[in-house]
Amino acid sequence: MQENPGPHFGPHQHGPAAYPYPYLPPQPPSWFLPTPSGARYDQLARTSQARLWRQLVGTLVVAVAFVAVSITVAVAGMVVAGLTGVPMLPGTSQIFGDPVFALVVLLLSLALVLPLVFGTAALVQRRRPGTLSSVAGRLRWSWMLRCAGVAVLALVLGQGAQLTMLAVTGGDVSEAVGWAGWGQLLPALAVVVLLVPFQAAAEEYIFRGWVLQAFGAHLRNPVWGILIGAAVFASLHGYEWVGLIDVFAFGALMGWLAIRTGGLEAPIALHVVNNMVAFGLSAAAGNLEEALEQGAVPWQSLAGTVVQLSVFTAGVLYLARKRSISTVSP
């Protein structure tokens, strides 16, 4: 007597043995192009569709967004000032008579450009916005916090060098360090803590992130992106020659560090710490209006700049080597 072998599914029959896995419909192609493997930070926009027009159009969009946001925020600030009674100073370099309110408008006019830079990378270059942050496709937060620690040490030593040079050469130390009271400091400090991280990050994403990668999409040597980004960054500041040298050196070194560390974490960390301390010291001394106007900078400040940038660069490179921070995309 033949045993019943049970149900059998032939080649044209359907059943569990024929389809052990659920059917998955074909997925539509991703809008974002694959990130090039083994690429330096400045080469992350070098995708399969990296055409020159994408870099030109994207740069134009970022530039227009930068100007449009600045004008929009300034006009909105005037409206708010008129409604709340903030004094206006027509015909002067500072529109608003309240320096804390003027600081809010300034920081917002820069911070609000940040999402537009991300959007331009996504829509025009068809790449993931995270590639503006680092070779990992995102901000490496733990690495950025370590860089911030180095930035604090570098800033303390730099301020010490500047004060020493002022004292030795007979400069006015009170301009660098002063105390106008808590009433002057606390309102400005709240604005600084809340908005400076976004303002500083936005500037790094524009002048180090976007500019470096727009040039890097087509040029092998990153020096043009570093120098042009630093020059444009310096040109948008209102300092005299000493201050412009300071800002240009900062921008050029931050561009170089972005490539050497594979991302914007180190530049953002130093930029945030530097601006927080700079605005905080100015508010504490009652000189916030002068800080907003920029203008003249004592030549002795270059001593502080040299010490600050040297200590930060050496510290970041040491930690990057020690922690094996990746400098190319996976």
Protein backbone atom coordinates (compact mmCIF):
# COMPACT_ATOMS: atom_id res chain seq x y z
CA MET A 1 0.00 0.00 0.00
CA GLN A 2 1.53 3.29 -1.10
CA GLU A 3 1.92 5.96 1.56
CA ASN A 4 0.40 9.36 0.98
CA PRO A 5 3.37 11.71 0.59
CA GLY A 6 1.24 14.75 1.45
CA PRO A 7 0.60 17.85 -0.61
CA HIS A 8 3.02 18.49 -3.44
CA PHE A 9 3.69 21.81 -5.14
CA GLY A 10 5.04 21.47 -8.61
CA PRO A 11 6.83 24.09 -10.63
CA HIS A 12 3.55 25.70 -11.70
CA GLN A 13 1.80 25.47 -8.35
CA HIS A 14 1.79 27.99 -5.52
CA GLY A 15 2.25 27.41 -1.83
CA PRO A 16 4.57 28.01 1.11
CA ALA A 17 7.44 26.03 -0.42
CA ALA A 18 7.26 28.02 -3.64
CA TYR A 19 7.31 31.50 -2.01
CA PRO A 20 9.14 31.35 1.34
CA TYR A 21 9.50 35.18 1.47
CA PRO A 22 6.83 37.87 1.11
CA TYR A 23 6.67 39.60 -2.23
CA LEU A 24 8.26 43.06 -2.26
CA PRO A 25 7.24 45.40 -5.08
CA PRO A 26 10.07 47.14 -6.93
CA GLN A 27 11.20 50.32 -5.18
CA PRO A 28 11.36 53.62 -7.07
CA PRO A 29 14.88 54.95 -7.58
CA SER A 30 16.16 57.27 -4.86
CA TRP A 31 16.33 60.99 -5.63
CA PHE A 32 19.67 61.20 -3.84
CA LEU A 33 22.69 60.08 -5.80
CA PRO A 34 25.15 57.69 -4.13
CA THR A 35 27.97 59.38 -2.22
CA PRO A 36 31.35 58.66 -3.81
CA SER A 37 33.33 56.10 -1.81
CA GLY A 38 36.80 56.95 -0.50
CA ALA A 39 36.31 60.68 -1.15
CA ARG A 40 37.78 63.53 0.87
CA TYR A 41 35.41 65.99 2.49
CA ASP A 42 35.79 68.53 -0.30
CA GLN A 43 35.02 65.85 -2.92
CA LEU A 44 31.69 64.64 -1.51
CA ALA A 45 29.71 66.51 -4.22
CA ARG A 46 31.62 64.59 -6.92
CA THR A 47 28.67 62.32 -7.72
CA SER A 48 27.79 60.64 -11.01
CA GLN A 49 25.74 63.72 -11.96
CA ALA A 50 28.25 66.35 -10.82
CA ARG A 51 27.82 68.78 -13.68
CA LEU A 52 29.30 72.26 -13.61
CA TRP A 53 25.88 73.85 -13.91
CA ARG A 54 24.80 72.25 -10.64
CA GLN A 55 27.65 73.95 -8.77
CA LEU A 56 27.04 77.31 -10.48
CA VAL A 57 23.27 77.28 -9.99
CA GLY A 58 23.61 76.01 -6.43
CA THR A 59 26.14 78.72 -5.54
CA LEU A 60 23.87 81.38 -7.04
CA VAL A 61 20.90 80.04 -5.06
CA VAL A 62 22.90 80.08 -1.82
CA ALA A 63 24.12 83.64 -2.50
CA VAL A 64 20.61 84.90 -3.30
CA ALA A 65 19.23 83.13 -0.22
CA PHE A 66 21.93 84.76 1.91
CA VAL A 67 20.96 88.25 0.72
CA ALA A 68 17.21 87.60 0.72
CA VAL A 69 17.18 86.24 4.26
CA SER A 70 19.27 89.18 5.51
CA ILE A 71 16.88 91.71 3.97
CA THR A 72 13.77 89.85 5.15
CA VAL A 73 15.02 89.57 8.74
CA ALA A 74 16.08 93.23 8.77
CA VAL A 75 12.64 94.36 7.55
CA ALA A 76 10.92 92.08 10.07
CA GLY A 77 13.17 93.54 12.77
CA MET A 78 12.08 97.07 11.84
CA VAL A 79 8.44 96.04 12.06
CA VAL A 80 8.94 94.42 15.46
CA ALA A 81 10.97 97.40 16.67
CA GLY A 82 8.18 99.77 15.63
CA LEU A 83 5.57 97.69 17.42
CA THR A 84 7.58 97.22 20.63
CA GLY A 85 9.13 100.66 20.92
CA VAL A 86 12.74 99.68 20.24
CA PRO A 87 14.58 102.89 19.26
CA MET A 88 15.67 103.23 15.63
CA LEU A 89 18.82 104.98 14.41
CA PRO A 90 18.18 105.93 10.77
CA GLY A 91 21.19 107.05 8.79
CA THR A 92 23.71 105.17 10.96
CA SER A 93 25.58 101.88 10.57
CA GLN A 94 23.41 100.40 13.32
CA ILE A 95 19.70 100.47 12.52
CA PHE A 96 18.53 99.61 16.01
CA GLY A 97 19.31 101.58 19.15
CA ASP A 98 19.07 98.53 21.41
CA PRO A 99 22.29 96.49 20.95
CA VAL A 100 20.72 93.27 22.23
CA PHE A 101 17.86 93.58 19.74
CA ALA A 102 20.38 94.37 17.00
CA LEU A 103 22.30 91.22 17.98
CA VAL A 104 19.15 89.11 17.66
CA VAL A 105 18.49 90.46 14.15
CA LEU A 106 22.11 89.91 13.09
CA LEU A 107 22.29 86.34 14.34
CA LEU A 108 18.91 85.36 12.91
CA SER A 109 19.79 86.81 9.50
CA LEU A 110 22.64 84.31 9.33
CA ALA A 111 21.17 81.33 11.17
CA LEU A 112 18.07 81.16 8.96
CA VAL A 113 20.20 80.58 5.86
CA LEU A 114 21.22 77.16 7.20
CA PRO A 115 18.14 75.14 6.09
CA LEU A 116 18.33 76.77 2.66
CA VAL A 117 21.89 75.51 2.20
CA PHE A 118 20.75 71.98 3.05
CA GLY A 119 17.83 72.32 0.65
CA THR A 120 20.07 73.51 -2.18
CA ALA A 121 22.37 70.52 -1.78
CA ALA A 122 19.36 68.19 -1.84
CA LEU A 123 17.43 69.75 -4.73
CA VAL A 124 20.14 71.11 -7.02
CA GLN A 125 22.99 68.66 -6.45
CA ARG A 126 20.72 65.70 -5.62
CA ARG A 127 22.88 64.64 -2.68
CA ARG A 128 22.07 64.00 0.94
CA PRO A 129 22.35 67.19 3.02
CA GLY A 130 24.32 65.26 5.62
CA THR A 131 27.27 65.13 3.24
CA LEU A 132 27.73 68.84 3.94
CA SER A 133 28.49 67.89 7.54
CA SER A 134 31.15 65.21 7.19
CA VAL A 135 32.39 62.16 5.30
CA ALA A 136 30.13 60.11 7.59
CA GLY A 137 27.05 61.80 6.11
CA ARG A 138 26.14 63.43 9.42
CA LEU A 139 27.55 65.54 12.22
CA ARG A 140 29.79 63.45 14.47
CA TRP A 141 28.56 64.93 17.74
CA SER A 142 31.01 63.26 20.12
CA TRP A 143 33.91 64.41 17.94
CA MET A 144 32.53 67.96 17.81
CA LEU A 145 32.26 68.09 21.62
CA ARG A 146 35.90 67.06 21.96
CA CYS A 147 36.85 69.77 19.49
CA ALA A 148 34.85 72.25 21.58
CA GLY A 149 36.93 71.33 24.61
CA VAL A 150 40.09 72.05 22.66
CA ALA A 151 38.53 75.33 21.46
CA VAL A 152 37.93 76.48 25.04
CA LEU A 153 41.57 75.80 25.98
CA ALA A 154 42.82 77.53 22.82
CA LEU A 155 40.63 80.56 23.44
CA VAL A 156 41.79 80.95 27.05
CA LEU A 157 45.43 80.81 25.99
CA GLY A 158 44.76 83.16 23.07
CA GLN A 159 43.04 85.72 25.31
CA GLY A 160 45.94 85.48 27.72
CA ALA A 161 48.42 86.14 24.91
CA GLN A 162 46.42 89.13 23.70
CA LEU A 163 46.16 90.68 27.17
CA THR A 164 49.88 90.11 27.75
CA MET A 165 50.76 91.81 24.48
CA LEU A 166 48.46 94.74 25.31
CA ALA A 167 50.08 95.13 28.73
CA VAL A 168 53.62 94.90 27.37
CA THR A 169 53.05 97.38 24.54
CA GLY A 170 51.04 99.88 26.58
CA GLY A 171 47.69 99.09 25.01
CA ASP A 172 44.33 99.63 26.68
CA VAL A 173 43.53 96.39 28.54
CA SER A 174 40.16 97.77 29.66
CA GLU A 175 38.89 97.55 26.07
CA ALA A 176 39.39 93.80 26.13
CA VAL A 177 38.20 93.14 29.67
CA GLY A 178 35.60 95.18 31.54
CA TRP A 179 32.49 94.90 33.66
CA ALA A 180 29.29 96.86 33.06
CA GLY A 181 27.08 94.78 35.37
CA TRP A 182 24.73 91.84 35.17
CA GLY A 183 22.02 93.98 33.62
CA GLN A 184 24.20 94.42 30.55
CA LEU A 185 25.43 90.85 30.42
CA LEU A 186 22.45 88.58 31.09
CA PRO A 187 20.08 89.63 28.26
CA ALA A 188 22.90 89.46 25.72
CA LEU A 189 24.14 86.16 27.14
CA ALA A 190 20.71 84.56 26.68
CA VAL A 191 20.69 85.62 23.02
CA VAL A 192 24.26 84.42 22.52
CA VAL A 193 23.64 80.97 23.99
CA LEU A 194 20.44 80.44 22.00
CA LEU A 195 21.45 81.80 18.59
CA VAL A 196 25.23 81.82 18.18
CA PRO A 197 25.50 78.03 17.64
CA PHE A 198 23.14 78.28 14.65
CA GLN A 199 24.75 81.47 13.30
CA ALA A 200 28.26 80.06 13.52
CA ALA A 201 27.21 76.72 12.04
CA ALA A 202 25.44 78.46 9.14
CA GLU A 203 28.60 80.39 8.26
CA GLU A 204 30.66 77.21 8.34
CA TYR A 205 28.18 75.32 6.15
CA ILE A 206 28.26 78.17 3.61
CA PHE A 207 31.91 79.25 3.47
CA ARG A 208 33.60 75.97 4.35
CA GLY A 209 30.97 73.36 3.48
CA TRP A 210 29.29 74.60 0.32
CA VAL A 211 32.25 76.50 -1.17
CA LEU A 212 34.78 73.73 -0.53
CA GLN A 213 32.56 71.06 -2.03
CA ALA A 214 31.45 73.17 -5.01
CA PHE A 215 35.10 73.56 -6.04
CA GLY A 216 35.97 70.02 -4.97
CA ALA A 217 33.36 68.57 -7.29
CA HIS A 218 35.62 69.47 -10.23
CA LEU A 219 39.08 70.44 -8.91
CA ARG A 220 41.55 68.02 -7.44
CA ASN A 221 43.49 70.59 -5.40
CA PRO A 222 41.35 72.04 -2.57
CA VAL A 223 43.44 75.20 -2.20
CA TRP A 224 41.13 77.27 -4.44
CA GLY A 225 38.06 76.41 -2.41
CA ILE A 226 39.90 77.13 0.85
CA LEU A 227 41.26 80.52 -0.23
CA ILE A 228 38.16 81.77 -2.05
CA GLY A 229 35.88 80.70 0.79
CA ALA A 230 38.12 82.48 3.30
CA ALA A 231 38.30 85.62 1.14
CA VAL A 232 34.51 85.87 0.71
CA PHE A 233 34.06 85.17 4.43
CA ALA A 234 36.47 88.00 5.33
CA SER A 235 34.91 90.42 2.83
CA LEU A 236 31.55 90.21 4.59
CA HIS A 237 33.05 91.55 7.81
CA GLY A 238 33.44 95.26 8.51
CA TYR A 239 36.83 95.18 10.21
CA GLU A 240 39.88 97.21 9.25
CA TRP A 241 43.06 95.50 8.01
CA VAL A 242 44.06 93.82 11.30
CA GLY A 243 40.61 92.33 11.76
CA LEU A 244 40.43 91.22 8.12
CA ILE A 245 43.76 89.40 8.45
CA ASP A 246 42.41 87.71 11.57
CA VAL A 247 39.15 86.62 9.88
CA PHE A 248 40.88 85.48 6.67
CA ALA A 249 43.40 83.39 8.63
CA PHE A 250 40.56 81.84 10.62
CA GLY A 251 38.60 80.98 7.46
CA ALA A 252 41.57 79.51 5.61
CA LEU A 253 42.64 77.36 8.55
CA MET A 254 39.10 76.13 9.18
CA GLY A 255 38.81 75.09 5.54
CA TRP A 256 42.06 73.17 5.78
CA LEU A 257 40.97 71.52 9.04
CA ALA A 258 37.63 70.50 7.52
CA ILE A 259 39.53 68.50 4.91
CA ARG A 260 42.11 67.12 7.35
CA THR A 261 39.42 65.94 9.79
CA GLY A 262 36.79 64.94 7.23
CA GLY A 263 34.06 67.32 8.33
CA LEU A 264 32.86 70.63 9.75
CA GLU A 265 32.87 69.57 13.41
CA ALA A 266 36.17 71.24 14.31
CA PRO A 267 35.41 74.52 12.45
CA ILE A 268 31.92 74.73 13.96
CA ALA A 269 33.26 74.05 17.46
CA LEU A 270 35.86 76.81 17.31
CA HIS A 271 33.51 79.26 15.60
CA VAL A 272 30.78 78.75 18.21
CA VAL A 273 33.14 79.01 21.19
CA ASN A 274 34.93 82.04 19.73
CA ASN A 275 31.73 83.99 18.98
CA MET A 276 30.15 83.14 22.32
CA VAL A 277 33.16 84.43 24.21
CA ALA A 278 33.62 87.47 21.94
CA PHE A 279 30.00 88.62 22.25
CA GLY A 280 29.91 87.69 25.94
CA LEU A 281 33.03 89.73 26.79
CA SER A 282 31.74 92.69 24.78
CA ALA A 283 28.39 92.58 26.59
CA ALA A 284 30.09 92.24 29.97
CA ALA A 285 32.24 95.30 29.24
CA GLY A 286 29.30 97.28 27.88
CA ASN A 287 30.83 97.38 24.40
CA LEU A 288 28.30 95.31 22.49
CA GLU A 289 27.55 98.20 20.10
CA GLU A 290 31.25 98.37 19.12
CA ALA A 291 31.38 94.61 18.60
CA LEU A 292 28.40 94.83 16.23
CA GLU A 293 29.96 97.72 14.31
CA GLN A 294 33.27 95.82 14.03
CA GLY A 295 35.71 98.40 12.63
CA ALA A 296 39.17 98.86 14.18
CA VAL A 297 40.92 95.98 15.94
CA PRO A 298 44.13 96.48 17.98
CA TRP A 299 47.17 94.96 16.28
CA GLN A 300 48.01 93.16 19.53
CA SER A 301 45.01 90.89 18.92
CA LEU A 302 47.02 89.11 16.23
CA ALA A 303 49.19 87.62 18.99
CA GLY A 304 46.07 86.10 20.50
CA THR A 305 44.95 84.85 17.09
CA VAL A 306 48.28 83.11 16.44
CA VAL A 307 48.22 81.37 19.83
CA GLN A 308 44.54 80.43 19.61
CA LEU A 309 44.69 78.98 16.11
CA SER A 310 48.00 77.21 16.72
CA VAL A 311 46.82 75.53 19.93
CA PHE A 312 43.48 74.54 18.40
CA THR A 313 45.03 73.12 15.23
CA ALA A 314 47.64 71.12 17.13
CA GLY A 315 45.08 69.80 19.62
CA VAL A 316 42.52 68.81 16.99
CA LEU A 317 45.08 67.05 14.79
CA TYR A 318 46.43 65.16 17.81
CA LEU A 319 42.97 64.01 18.89
CA ALA A 320 41.98 63.13 15.32
CA ARG A 321 45.04 60.92 15.00
CA LYS A 322 44.57 59.38 18.43
CA ARG A 323 40.89 58.59 17.84
CA SER A 324 41.37 57.55 14.20
CA ILE A 325 38.83 60.09 12.92
CA SER A 326 37.89 59.14 9.37
CA THR A 327 38.87 61.63 6.67
CA VAL A 328 37.30 59.87 3.67
CA SER A 329 33.81 58.58 2.96
CA PRO A 330 33.07 54.88 3.53
